[in-house]
Amino acid sequence: MKTLFISLFLMVSINNIKISQESETMTATFDGFEEGIYYFTDKDGYANEFSSISDEAMASYDLTQDTYKGKSFLITYIEIEELDEFDEEITINSITALKLLE
């Protein structure tokens, strides 16, 4: 009985683990970089915040400078679930790829 309980517990636990993250894309205008956050606005006027950027994307476009402010990008990103300082689950957006649109 104990073995059955442990097996059942492990099966339920494994089903709750995210094994891979699907990336999403959006087209948005770069608004700036402040205090570690990258700010973009999409075509509907919705503000988007990204807390991190991949090394590959940063090597192509240094968004910490004002050079790309007001420019449109095709953004590929993932959403990462984390716990904040109050142990509440929050979603962090992380840029995985950027393409400057002209």
PDB file of N, CA and C in Angstrom:
ATOM      1  N   MET A   1       0.828  -1.189   0.000  1.00  0.00           N
ATOM      2  CA  MET A   1       0.000   0.000   0.000  1.00  0.00           C
ATOM      3  C   MET A   1       0.873   1.254   0.000  1.00  0.00           C
ATOM      4  N   LYS A   2       1.956   1.192   0.760  1.00  0.00           N
ATOM      5  CA  LYS A   2       2.869   2.331   0.832  1.00  0.00           C
ATOM      6  C   LYS A   2       3.498   2.601  -0.535  1.00  0.00           C
ATOM      7  N   THR A   3       3.863   1.549  -1.244  1.00  0.00           N
ATOM      8  CA  THR A   3       4.456   1.685  -2.574  1.00  0.00           C
ATOM      9  C   THR A   3       3.461   2.303  -3.547  1.00  0.00           C
ATOM     10  N   LEU A   4       2.215   1.900  -3.466  1.00  0.00           N
ATOM     11  CA  LEU A   4       1.169   2.456  -4.322  1.00  0.00           C
ATOM     12  C   LEU A   4       0.992   3.949  -4.053  1.00  0.00           C
ATOM     13  N   PHE A   5       0.981   4.329  -2.804  1.00  0.00           N
ATOM     14  CA  PHE A   5       0.835   5.738  -2.434  1.00  0.00           C
ATOM     15  C   PHE A   5       2.003   6.570  -2.962  1.00  0.00           C
ATOM     16  N   ILE A   6       3.215   6.073  -2.799  1.00  0.00           N
ATOM     17  CA  ILE A   6       4.402   6.797  -3.276  1.00  0.00           C
ATOM     18  C   ILE A   6       4.368   6.925  -4.798  1.00  0.00           C
ATOM     19  N   SER A   7       4.000   5.847  -5.488  1.00  0.00           N
ATOM     20  CA  SER A   7       3.918   5.887  -6.954  1.00  0.00           C
ATOM     21  C   SER A   7       2.882   6.901  -7.421  1.00  0.00           C
ATOM     22  N   LEU A   8       1.734   6.905  -6.782  1.00  0.00           N
ATOM     23  CA  LEU A   8       0.674   7.853  -7.126  1.00  0.00           C
ATOM     24  C   LEU A   8       1.121   9.284  -6.861  1.00  0.00           C
ATOM     25  N   PHE A   9       1.774   9.513  -5.747  1.00  0.00           N
ATOM     26  CA  PHE A   9       2.277  10.847  -5.407  1.00  0.00           C
ATOM     27  C   PHE A   9       3.281  11.340  -6.444  1.00  0.00           C
ATOM     28  N   LEU A  10       4.199  10.475  -6.855  1.00  0.00           N
ATOM     29  CA  LEU A  10       5.201  10.854  -7.854  1.00  0.00           C
ATOM     30  C   LEU A  10       4.567  11.165  -9.203  1.00  0.00           C
ATOM     31  N   MET A  11       3.566  10.395  -9.597  1.00  0.00           N
ATOM     32  CA  MET A  11       2.901  10.642 -10.873  1.00  0.00           C
ATOM     33  C   MET A  11       2.193  11.987 -10.874  1.00  0.00           C
ATOM     34  N   VAL A  12       1.535  12.326  -9.798  1.00  0.00           N
ATOM     35  CA  VAL A  12       0.848  13.612  -9.696  1.00  0.00           C
ATOM     36  C   VAL A  12       1.858  14.747  -9.667  1.00  0.00           C
ATOM     37  N   SER A  13       2.947  14.583  -8.963  1.00  0.00           N
ATOM     38  CA  SER A  13       3.978  15.623  -8.880  1.00  0.00           C
ATOM     39  C   SER A  13       4.631  15.881 -10.229  1.00  0.00           C
ATOM     40  N   ILE A  14       4.930  14.846 -10.959  1.00  0.00           N
ATOM     41  CA  ILE A  14       5.581  14.990 -12.261  1.00  0.00           C
ATOM     42  C   ILE A  14       4.675  15.725 -13.241  1.00  0.00           C
ATOM     43  N   ASN A  15       3.382  15.513 -13.171  1.00  0.00           N
ATOM     44  CA  ASN A  15       2.454  16.183 -14.080  1.00  0.00           C
ATOM     45  C   ASN A  15       2.395  17.686 -13.845  1.00  0.00           C
ATOM     46  N   ASN A  16       2.781  18.171 -12.689  1.00  0.00           N
ATOM     47  CA  ASN A  16       2.733  19.595 -12.379  1.00  0.00           C
ATOM     48  C   ASN A  16       4.016  20.333 -12.740  1.00  0.00           C
ATOM     49  N   ILE A  17       5.023  19.648 -13.227  1.00  0.00           N
ATOM     50  CA  ILE A  17       6.301  20.263 -13.576  1.00  0.00           C
ATOM     51  C   ILE A  17       6.258  20.709 -15.033  1.00  0.00           C
ATOM     52  N   LYS A  18       6.652  21.950 -15.283  1.00  0.00           N
ATOM     53  CA  LYS A  18       6.773  22.442 -16.653  1.00  0.00           C
ATOM     54  C   LYS A  18       8.105  21.956 -17.205  1.00  0.00           C
ATOM     55  N   ILE A  19       8.055  21.115 -18.213  1.00  0.00           N
ATOM     56  CA  ILE A  19       9.276  20.567 -18.767  1.00  0.00           C
ATOM     57  C   ILE A  19       9.880  21.525 -19.798  1.00  0.00           C
ATOM     58  N   SER A  20       9.064  22.128 -20.618  1.00  0.00           N
ATOM     59  CA  SER A  20       9.583  23.077 -21.598  1.00  0.00           C
ATOM     60  C   SER A  20       8.698  24.314 -21.620  1.00  0.00           C
ATOM     61  N   GLN A  21       9.275  25.397 -22.089  1.00  0.00           N
ATOM     62  CA  GLN A  21       8.537  26.638 -22.163  1.00  0.00           C
ATOM     63  C   GLN A  21       8.352  26.994 -23.624  1.00  0.00           C
ATOM     64  N   GLU A  22       7.128  27.334 -23.978  1.00  0.00           N
ATOM     65  CA  GLU A  22       6.860  27.765 -25.335  1.00  0.00           C
ATOM     66  C   GLU A  22       7.177  29.237 -25.451  1.00  0.00           C
ATOM     67  N   SER A  23       7.840  29.589 -26.529  1.00  0.00           N
ATOM     68  CA  SER A  23       8.126  30.997 -26.734  1.00  0.00           C
ATOM     69  C   SER A  23       6.949  31.653 -27.447  1.00  0.00           C
ATOM     70  N   GLU A  24       6.803  32.931 -27.204  1.00  0.00           N
ATOM     71  CA  GLU A  24       5.756  33.729 -27.822  1.00  0.00           C
ATOM     72  C   GLU A  24       6.424  34.876 -28.560  1.00  0.00           C
ATOM     73  N   THR A  25       5.706  35.467 -29.515  1.00  0.00           N
ATOM     74  CA  THR A  25       6.252  36.607 -30.241  1.00  0.00           C
ATOM     75  C   THR A  25       5.270  37.763 -30.220  1.00  0.00           C
ATOM     76  N   MET A  26       5.812  38.957 -30.370  1.00  0.00           N
ATOM     77  CA  MET A  26       4.998  40.160 -30.476  1.00  0.00           C
ATOM     78  C   MET A  26       5.794  41.211 -31.226  1.00  0.00           C
ATOM     79  N   THR A  27       5.082  42.150 -31.811  1.00  0.00           N
ATOM     80  CA  THR A  27       5.710  43.318 -32.414  1.00  0.00           C
ATOM     81  C   THR A  27       5.433  44.483 -31.487  1.00  0.00           C
ATOM     82  N   ALA A  28       6.486  45.203 -31.106  1.00  0.00           N
ATOM     83  CA  ALA A  28       6.324  46.305 -30.155  1.00  0.00           C
ATOM     84  C   ALA A  28       7.421  47.343 -30.364  1.00  0.00           C
ATOM     85  N   THR A  29       7.145  48.539 -29.858  1.00  0.00           N
ATOM     86  CA  THR A  29       8.082  49.658 -29.948  1.00  0.00           C
ATOM     87  C   THR A  29       8.846  49.786 -28.645  1.00  0.00           C
ATOM     88  N   PHE A  30      10.159  49.937 -28.758  1.00  0.00           N
ATOM     89  CA  PHE A  30      11.013  50.056 -27.576  1.00  0.00           C
ATOM     90  C   PHE A  30      10.839  51.432 -26.948  1.00  0.00           C
ATOM     91  N   ASP A  31      10.505  51.460 -25.656  1.00  0.00           N
ATOM     92  CA  ASP A  31      10.294  52.711 -24.921  1.00  0.00           C
ATOM     93  C   ASP A  31      11.489  53.103 -24.071  1.00  0.00           C
ATOM     94  N   GLY A  32      12.299  52.124 -23.671  1.00  0.00           N
ATOM     95  CA  GLY A  32      13.464  52.450 -22.869  1.00  0.00           C
ATOM     96  C   GLY A  32      13.822  51.364 -21.877  1.00  0.00           C
ATOM     97  N   PHE A  33      14.918  51.612 -21.178  1.00  0.00           N
ATOM     98  CA  PHE A  33      15.462  50.687 -20.186  1.00  0.00           C
ATOM     99  C   PHE A  33      15.658  51.461 -18.895  1.00  0.00           C
ATOM    100  N   GLU A  34      15.090  50.944 -17.808  1.00  0.00           N
ATOM    101  CA  GLU A  34      15.212  51.624 -16.523  1.00  0.00           C
ATOM    102  C   GLU A  34      15.222  50.610 -15.392  1.00  0.00           C
ATOM    103  N   GLU A  35      16.219  50.720 -14.522  1.00  0.00           N
ATOM    104  CA  GLU A  35      16.343  49.869 -13.333  1.00  0.00           C
ATOM    105  C   GLU A  35      16.220  48.381 -13.654  1.00  0.00           C
ATOM    106  N   GLY A  36      16.879  47.949 -14.734  1.00  0.00           N
ATOM    107  CA  GLY A  36      16.909  46.535 -15.077  1.00  0.00           C
ATOM    108  C   GLY A  36      15.704  46.016 -15.837  1.00  0.00           C
ATOM    109  N   ILE A  37      14.779  46.882 -16.208  1.00  0.00           N
ATOM    110  CA  ILE A  37      13.571  46.477 -16.923  1.00  0.00           C
ATOM    111  C   ILE A  37      13.572  47.097 -18.320  1.00  0.00           C
ATOM    112  N   TYR A  38      13.233  46.269 -19.326  1.00  0.00           N
ATOM    113  CA  TYR A  38      13.105  46.730 -20.707  1.00  0.00           C
ATOM    114  C   TYR A  38      11.623  46.986 -20.971  1.00  0.00           C
ATOM    115  N   TYR A  39      11.290  48.194 -21.431  1.00  0.00           N
ATOM    116  CA  TYR A  39       9.899  48.586 -21.643  1.00  0.00           C
ATOM    117  C   TYR A  39       9.583  48.686 -23.130  1.00  0.00           C
ATOM    118  N   PHE A  40       8.466  48.072 -23.531  1.00  0.00           N
ATOM    119  CA  PHE A  40       7.981  48.106 -24.904  1.00  0.00           C
ATOM    120  C   PHE A  40       6.484  48.396 -24.887  1.00  0.00           C
ATOM    121  N   THR A  41       5.970  48.978 -25.984  1.00  0.00           N
ATOM    122  CA  THR A  41       4.535  49.196 -26.148  1.00  0.00           C
ATOM    123  C   THR A  41       4.103  48.520 -27.439  1.00  0.00           C
ATOM    124  N   ASP A  42       3.046  47.691 -27.356  1.00  0.00           N
ATOM    125  CA  ASP A  42       2.580  46.998 -28.558  1.00  0.00           C
ATOM    126  C   ASP A  42       1.647  47.894 -29.374  1.00  0.00           C
ATOM    127  N   LYS A  43       1.146  47.381 -30.503  1.00  0.00           N
ATOM    128  CA  LYS A  43       0.331  48.184 -31.422  1.00  0.00           C
ATOM    129  C   LYS A  43      -0.996  48.623 -30.812  1.00  0.00           C
ATOM    130  N   ASP A  44      -1.458  47.931 -29.780  1.00  0.00           N
ATOM    131  CA  ASP A  44      -2.702  48.292 -29.107  1.00  0.00           C
ATOM    132  C   ASP A  44      -2.475  49.268 -27.958  1.00  0.00           C
ATOM    133  N   GLY A  45      -1.226  49.687 -27.769  1.00  0.00           N
ATOM    134  CA  GLY A  45      -0.899  50.622 -26.700  1.00  0.00           C
ATOM    135  C   GLY A  45      -0.662  49.972 -25.352  1.00  0.00           C
ATOM    136  N   TYR A  46      -0.588  48.645 -25.331  1.00  0.00           N
ATOM    137  CA  TYR A  46      -0.368  47.916 -24.081  1.00  0.00           C
ATOM    138  C   TYR A  46       1.120  47.920 -23.737  1.00  0.00           C
ATOM    139  N   ALA A  47       1.449  48.303 -22.512  1.00  0.00           N
ATOM    140  CA  ALA A  47       2.845  48.338 -22.052  1.00  0.00           C
ATOM    141  C   ALA A  47       3.294  46.936 -21.647  1.00  0.00           C
ATOM    142  N   ASN A  48       4.499  46.579 -22.061  1.00  0.00           N
ATOM    143  CA  ASN A  48       5.082  45.273 -21.751  1.00  0.00           C
ATOM    144  C   ASN A  48       6.433  45.468 -21.094  1.00  0.00           C
ATOM    145  N   GLU A  49       6.682  44.689 -20.041  1.00  0.00           N
ATOM    146  CA  GLU A  49       7.948  44.752 -19.316  1.00  0.00           C
ATOM    147  C   GLU A  49       8.677  43.420 -19.454  1.00  0.00           C
ATOM    148  N   PHE A  50       9.985  43.509 -19.676  1.00  0.00           N
ATOM    149  CA  PHE A  50      10.829  42.323 -19.773  1.00  0.00           C
ATOM    150  C   PHE A  50      11.968  42.476 -18.778  1.00  0.00           C
ATOM    151  N   SER A  51      12.115  41.489 -17.914  1.00  0.00           N
ATOM    152  CA  SER A  51      13.103  41.567 -16.833  1.00  0.00           C
ATOM    153  C   SER A  51      14.482  41.074 -17.228  1.00  0.00           C
ATOM    154  N   SER A  52      14.565  40.328 -18.321  1.00  0.00           N
ATOM    155  CA  SER A  52      15.871  39.829 -18.743  1.00  0.00           C
ATOM    156  C   SER A  52      15.898  39.684 -20.253  1.00  0.00           C
ATOM    157  N   ILE A  53      17.110  39.539 -20.767  1.00  0.00           N
ATOM    158  CA  ILE A  53      17.317  39.389 -22.208  1.00  0.00           C
ATOM    159  C   ILE A  53      18.470  38.407 -22.407  1.00  0.00           C
ATOM    160  N   SER A  54      18.345  37.566 -23.421  1.00  0.00           N
ATOM    161  CA  SER A  54      19.405  36.582 -23.678  1.00  0.00           C
ATOM    162  C   SER A  54      20.676  37.283 -24.141  1.00  0.00           C
ATOM    163  N   ASP A  55      21.801  36.614 -23.939  1.00  0.00           N
ATOM    164  CA  ASP A  55      23.090  37.164 -24.367  1.00  0.00           C
ATOM    165  C   ASP A  55      23.124  37.389 -25.880  1.00  0.00           C
ATOM    166  N   GLU A  56      22.502  36.475 -26.635  1.00  0.00           N
ATOM    167  CA  GLU A  56      22.482  36.598 -28.094  1.00  0.00           C
ATOM    168  C   GLU A  56      21.725  37.847 -28.532  1.00  0.00           C
ATOM    169  N   ALA A  57      20.557  38.086 -27.938  1.00  0.00           N
ATOM    170  CA  ALA A  57      19.764  39.269 -28.292  1.00  0.00           C
ATOM    171  C   ALA A  57      20.484  40.541 -27.865  1.00  0.00           C
ATOM    172  N   MET A  58      21.116  40.518 -26.705  1.00  0.00           N
ATOM    173  CA  MET A  58      21.837  41.697 -26.214  1.00  0.00           C
ATOM    174  C   MET A  58      23.051  42.001 -27.089  1.00  0.00           C
ATOM    175  N   ALA A  59      23.688  40.954 -27.616  1.00  0.00           N
ATOM    176  CA  ALA A  59      24.844  41.166 -28.487  1.00  0.00           C
ATOM    177  C   ALA A  59      24.438  41.867 -29.785  1.00  0.00           C
ATOM    178  N   SER A  60      23.222  41.607 -30.252  1.00  0.00           N
ATOM    179  CA  SER A  60      22.742  42.234 -31.487  1.00  0.00           C
ATOM    180  C   SER A  60      22.235  43.653 -31.261  1.00  0.00           C
ATOM    181  N   TYR A  61      21.544  43.862 -30.147  1.00  0.00           N
ATOM    182  CA  TYR A  61      20.921  45.160 -29.863  1.00  0.00           C
ATOM    183  C   TYR A  61      21.123  45.505 -28.392  1.00  0.00           C
ATOM    184  N   ASP A  62      21.947  46.499 -28.116  1.00  0.00           N
ATOM    185  CA  ASP A  62      22.180  46.935 -26.736  1.00  0.00           C
ATOM    186  C   ASP A  62      21.062  47.894 -26.331  1.00  0.00           C
ATOM    187  N   LEU A  63      20.031  47.345 -25.712  1.00  0.00           N
ATOM    188  CA  LEU A  63      18.862  48.142 -25.344  1.00  0.00           C
ATOM    189  C   LEU A  63      19.071  48.980 -24.083  1.00  0.00           C
ATOM    190  N   THR A  64      20.243  48.897 -23.491  1.00  0.00           N
ATOM    191  CA  THR A  64      20.501  49.739 -22.314  1.00  0.00           C
ATOM    192  C   THR A  64      20.809  51.173 -22.734  1.00  0.00           C
ATOM    193  N   GLN A  65      21.062  51.391 -24.022  1.00  0.00           N
ATOM    194  CA  GLN A  65      21.317  52.731 -24.569  1.00  0.00           C
ATOM    195  C   GLN A  65      20.035  53.249 -25.229  1.00  0.00           C
ATOM    196  N   ASP A  66      19.978  54.543 -25.494  1.00  0.00           N
ATOM    197  CA  ASP A  66      18.795  55.145 -26.118  1.00  0.00           C
ATOM    198  C   ASP A  66      18.782  55.015 -27.640  1.00  0.00           C
ATOM    199  N   THR A  67      19.758  54.350 -28.218  1.00  0.00           N
ATOM    200  CA  THR A  67      19.891  54.226 -29.670  1.00  0.00           C
ATOM    201  C   THR A  67      18.631  53.668 -30.330  1.00  0.00           C
ATOM    202  N   TYR A  68      17.992  52.689 -29.691  1.00  0.00           N
ATOM    203  CA  TYR A  68      16.850  52.009 -30.293  1.00  0.00           C
ATOM    204  C   TYR A  68      15.504  52.501 -29.760  1.00  0.00           C
ATOM    205  N   LYS A  69      15.500  53.549 -28.988  1.00  0.00           N
ATOM    206  CA  LYS A  69      14.263  54.101 -28.438  1.00  0.00           C
ATOM    207  C   LYS A  69      13.364  54.566 -29.590  1.00  0.00           C
ATOM    208  N   GLY A  70      12.098  54.127 -29.573  1.00  0.00           N
ATOM    209  CA  GLY A  70      11.152  54.476 -30.625  1.00  0.00           C
ATOM    210  C   GLY A  70      11.167  53.543 -31.824  1.00  0.00           C
ATOM    211  N   LYS A  71      12.055  52.564 -31.826  1.00  0.00           N
ATOM    212  CA  LYS A  71      12.162  51.601 -32.930  1.00  0.00           C
ATOM    213  C   LYS A  71      11.265  50.394 -32.658  1.00  0.00           C
ATOM    214  N   SER A  72      10.753  49.801 -33.746  1.00  0.00           N
ATOM    215  CA  SER A  72       9.894  48.622 -33.635  1.00  0.00           C
ATOM    216  C   SER A  72      10.718  47.349 -33.751  1.00  0.00           C
ATOM    217  N   PHE A  73      10.349  46.374 -32.931  1.00  0.00           N
ATOM    218  CA  PHE A  73      11.043  45.090 -32.903  1.00  0.00           C
ATOM    219  C   PHE A  73      10.038  43.944 -32.968  1.00  0.00           C
ATOM    220  N   LEU A  74      10.474  42.843 -33.551  1.00  0.00           N
ATOM    221  CA  LEU A  74       9.787  41.572 -33.401  1.00  0.00           C
ATOM    222  C   LEU A  74      10.469  40.907 -32.214  1.00  0.00           C
ATOM    223  N   ILE A  75       9.709  40.678 -31.155  1.00  0.00           N
ATOM    224  CA  ILE A  75      10.258  40.166 -29.896  1.00  0.00           C
ATOM    225  C   ILE A  75       9.821  38.714 -29.704  1.00  0.00           C
ATOM    226  N   THR A  76      10.770  37.845 -29.468  1.00  0.00           N
ATOM    227  CA  THR A  76      10.479  36.471 -29.073  1.00  0.00           C
ATOM    228  C   THR A  76      10.835  36.369 -27.596  1.00  0.00           C
ATOM    229  N   TYR A  77       9.898  35.838 -26.805  1.00  0.00           N
ATOM    230  CA  TYR A  77      10.110  35.804 -25.362  1.00  0.00           C
ATOM    231  C   TYR A  77       9.454  34.582 -24.736  1.00  0.00           C
ATOM    232  N   ILE A  78       9.861  34.314 -23.512  1.00  0.00           N
ATOM    233  CA  ILE A  78       9.239  33.258 -22.716  1.00  0.00           C
ATOM    234  C   ILE A  78       8.727  33.866 -21.417  1.00  0.00           C
ATOM    235  N   GLU A  79       7.745  33.203 -20.846  1.00  0.00           N
ATOM    236  CA  GLU A  79       7.226  33.593 -19.538  1.00  0.00           C
ATOM    237  C   GLU A  79       7.749  32.608 -18.505  1.00  0.00           C
ATOM    238  N   ILE A  80       8.313  33.133 -17.432  1.00  0.00           N
ATOM    239  CA  ILE A  80       8.892  32.302 -16.377  1.00  0.00           C
ATOM    240  C   ILE A  80       8.102  32.537 -15.092  1.00  0.00           C
ATOM    241  N   GLU A  81       7.655  31.471 -14.486  1.00  0.00           N
ATOM    242  CA  GLU A  81       6.938  31.561 -13.216  1.00  0.00           C
ATOM    243  C   GLU A  81       7.941  31.547 -12.074  1.00  0.00           C
ATOM    244  N   GLU A  82       7.866  32.537 -11.198  1.00  0.00           N
ATOM    245  CA  GLU A  82       8.759  32.628 -10.039  1.00  0.00           C
ATOM    246  C   GLU A  82       7.955  33.003  -8.805  1.00  0.00           C
ATOM    247  N   LEU A  83       8.586  32.855  -7.649  1.00  0.00           N
ATOM    248  CA  LEU A  83       7.982  33.300  -6.398  1.00  0.00           C
ATOM    249  C   LEU A  83       8.607  34.629  -6.004  1.00  0.00           C
ATOM    250  N   ASP A  84       7.761  35.583  -5.596  1.00  0.00           N
ATOM    251  CA  ASP A  84       8.290  36.873  -5.146  1.00  0.00           C
ATOM    252  C   ASP A  84       8.661  36.800  -3.672  1.00  0.00           C
ATOM    253  N   GLU A  85       9.008  37.943  -3.096  1.00  0.00           N
ATOM    254  CA  GLU A  85       9.456  37.969  -1.699  1.00  0.00           C
ATOM    255  C   GLU A  85       8.362  37.580  -0.707  1.00  0.00           C
ATOM    256  N   PHE A  86       7.093  37.554  -1.166  1.00  0.00           N
ATOM    257  CA  PHE A  86       5.978  37.155  -0.303  1.00  0.00           C
ATOM    258  C   PHE A  86       5.510  35.735  -0.613  1.00  0.00           C
ATOM    259  N   ASP A  87       6.344  34.991  -1.359  1.00  0.00           N
ATOM    260  CA  ASP A  87       6.041  33.623  -1.789  1.00  0.00           C
ATOM    261  C   ASP A  87       4.784  33.532  -2.648  1.00  0.00           C
ATOM    262  N   GLU A  88       4.486  34.605  -3.384  1.00  0.00           N
ATOM    263  CA  GLU A  88       3.383  34.593  -4.328  1.00  0.00           C
ATOM    264  C   GLU A  88       3.947  34.372  -5.726  1.00  0.00           C
ATOM    265  N   GLU A  89       3.233  33.590  -6.527  1.00  0.00           N
ATOM    266  CA  GLU A  89       3.706  33.281  -7.869  1.00  0.00           C
ATOM    267  C   GLU A  89       3.509  34.484  -8.789  1.00  0.00           C
ATOM    268  N   ILE A  90       4.570  34.852  -9.500  1.00  0.00           N
ATOM    269  CA  ILE A  90       4.511  35.950 -10.455  1.00  0.00           C
ATOM    270  C   ILE A  90       5.076  35.467 -11.791  1.00  0.00           C
ATOM    271  N   THR A  91       4.731  36.166 -12.860  1.00  0.00           N
ATOM    272  CA  THR A  91       5.229  35.833 -14.187  1.00  0.00           C
ATOM    273  C   THR A  91       6.253  36.868 -14.616  1.00  0.00           C
ATOM    274  N   ILE A  92       7.421  36.398 -15.004  1.00  0.00           N
ATOM    275  CA  ILE A  92       8.510  37.245 -15.486  1.00  0.00           C
ATOM    276  C   ILE A  92       8.659  36.999 -16.985  1.00  0.00           C
ATOM    277  N   ASN A  93       8.731  38.072 -17.773  1.00  0.00           N
ATOM    278  CA  ASN A  93       8.962  37.948 -19.213  1.00  0.00           C
ATOM    279  C   ASN A  93      10.450  38.080 -19.500  1.00  0.00           C
ATOM    280  N   SER A  94      10.969  37.174 -20.322  1.00  0.00           N
ATOM    281  CA  SER A  94      12.389  37.169 -20.668  1.00  0.00           C
ATOM    282  C   SER A  94      12.545  37.115 -22.191  1.00  0.00           C
ATOM    283  N   ILE A  95      13.255  38.090 -22.758  1.00  0.00           N
ATOM    284  CA  ILE A  95      13.474  38.152 -24.202  1.00  0.00           C
ATOM    285  C   ILE A  95      14.505  37.101 -24.603  1.00  0.00           C
ATOM    286  N   THR A  96      14.151  36.289 -25.610  1.00  0.00           N
ATOM    287  CA  THR A  96      15.083  35.284 -26.113  1.00  0.00           C
ATOM    288  C   THR A  96      15.662  35.671 -27.470  1.00  0.00           C
ATOM    289  N   ALA A  97      14.929  36.501 -28.240  1.00  0.00           N
ATOM    290  CA  ALA A  97      15.424  36.946 -29.549  1.00  0.00           C
ATOM    291  C   ALA A  97      14.761  38.260 -29.931  1.00  0.00           C
ATOM    292  N   LEU A  98      15.495  39.066 -30.686  1.00  0.00           N
ATOM    293  CA  LEU A  98      14.997  40.359 -31.171  1.00  0.00           C
ATOM    294  C   LEU A  98      15.313  40.503 -32.650  1.00  0.00           C
ATOM    295  N   LYS A  99      14.390  41.155 -33.371  1.00  0.00           N
ATOM    296  CA  LYS A  99      14.654  41.503 -34.765  1.00  0.00           C
ATOM    297  C   LYS A  99      14.145  42.917 -34.977  1.00  0.00           C
ATOM    298  N   LEU A 100      15.021  43.799 -35.409  1.00  0.00           N
ATOM    299  CA  LEU A 100      14.660  45.185 -35.679  1.00  0.00           C
ATOM    300  C   LEU A 100      13.832  45.236 -36.954  1.00  0.00           C
ATOM    301  N   LEU A 101      12.665  45.886 -36.878  1.00  0.00           N
ATOM    302  CA  LEU A 101      11.790  46.034 -38.039  1.00  0.00           C
ATOM    303  C   LEU A 101      11.975  47.422 -38.634  1.00  0.00           C
ATOM    304  N   GLU A 102      11.987  47.500 -39.952  1.00  0.00           N
ATOM    305  CA  GLU A 102      12.169  48.814 -40.582  1.00  0.00           C
ATOM    306  C   GLU A 102      11.074  49.120 -41.552  1.00  0.00           C
TER     307      GLU A 102
END
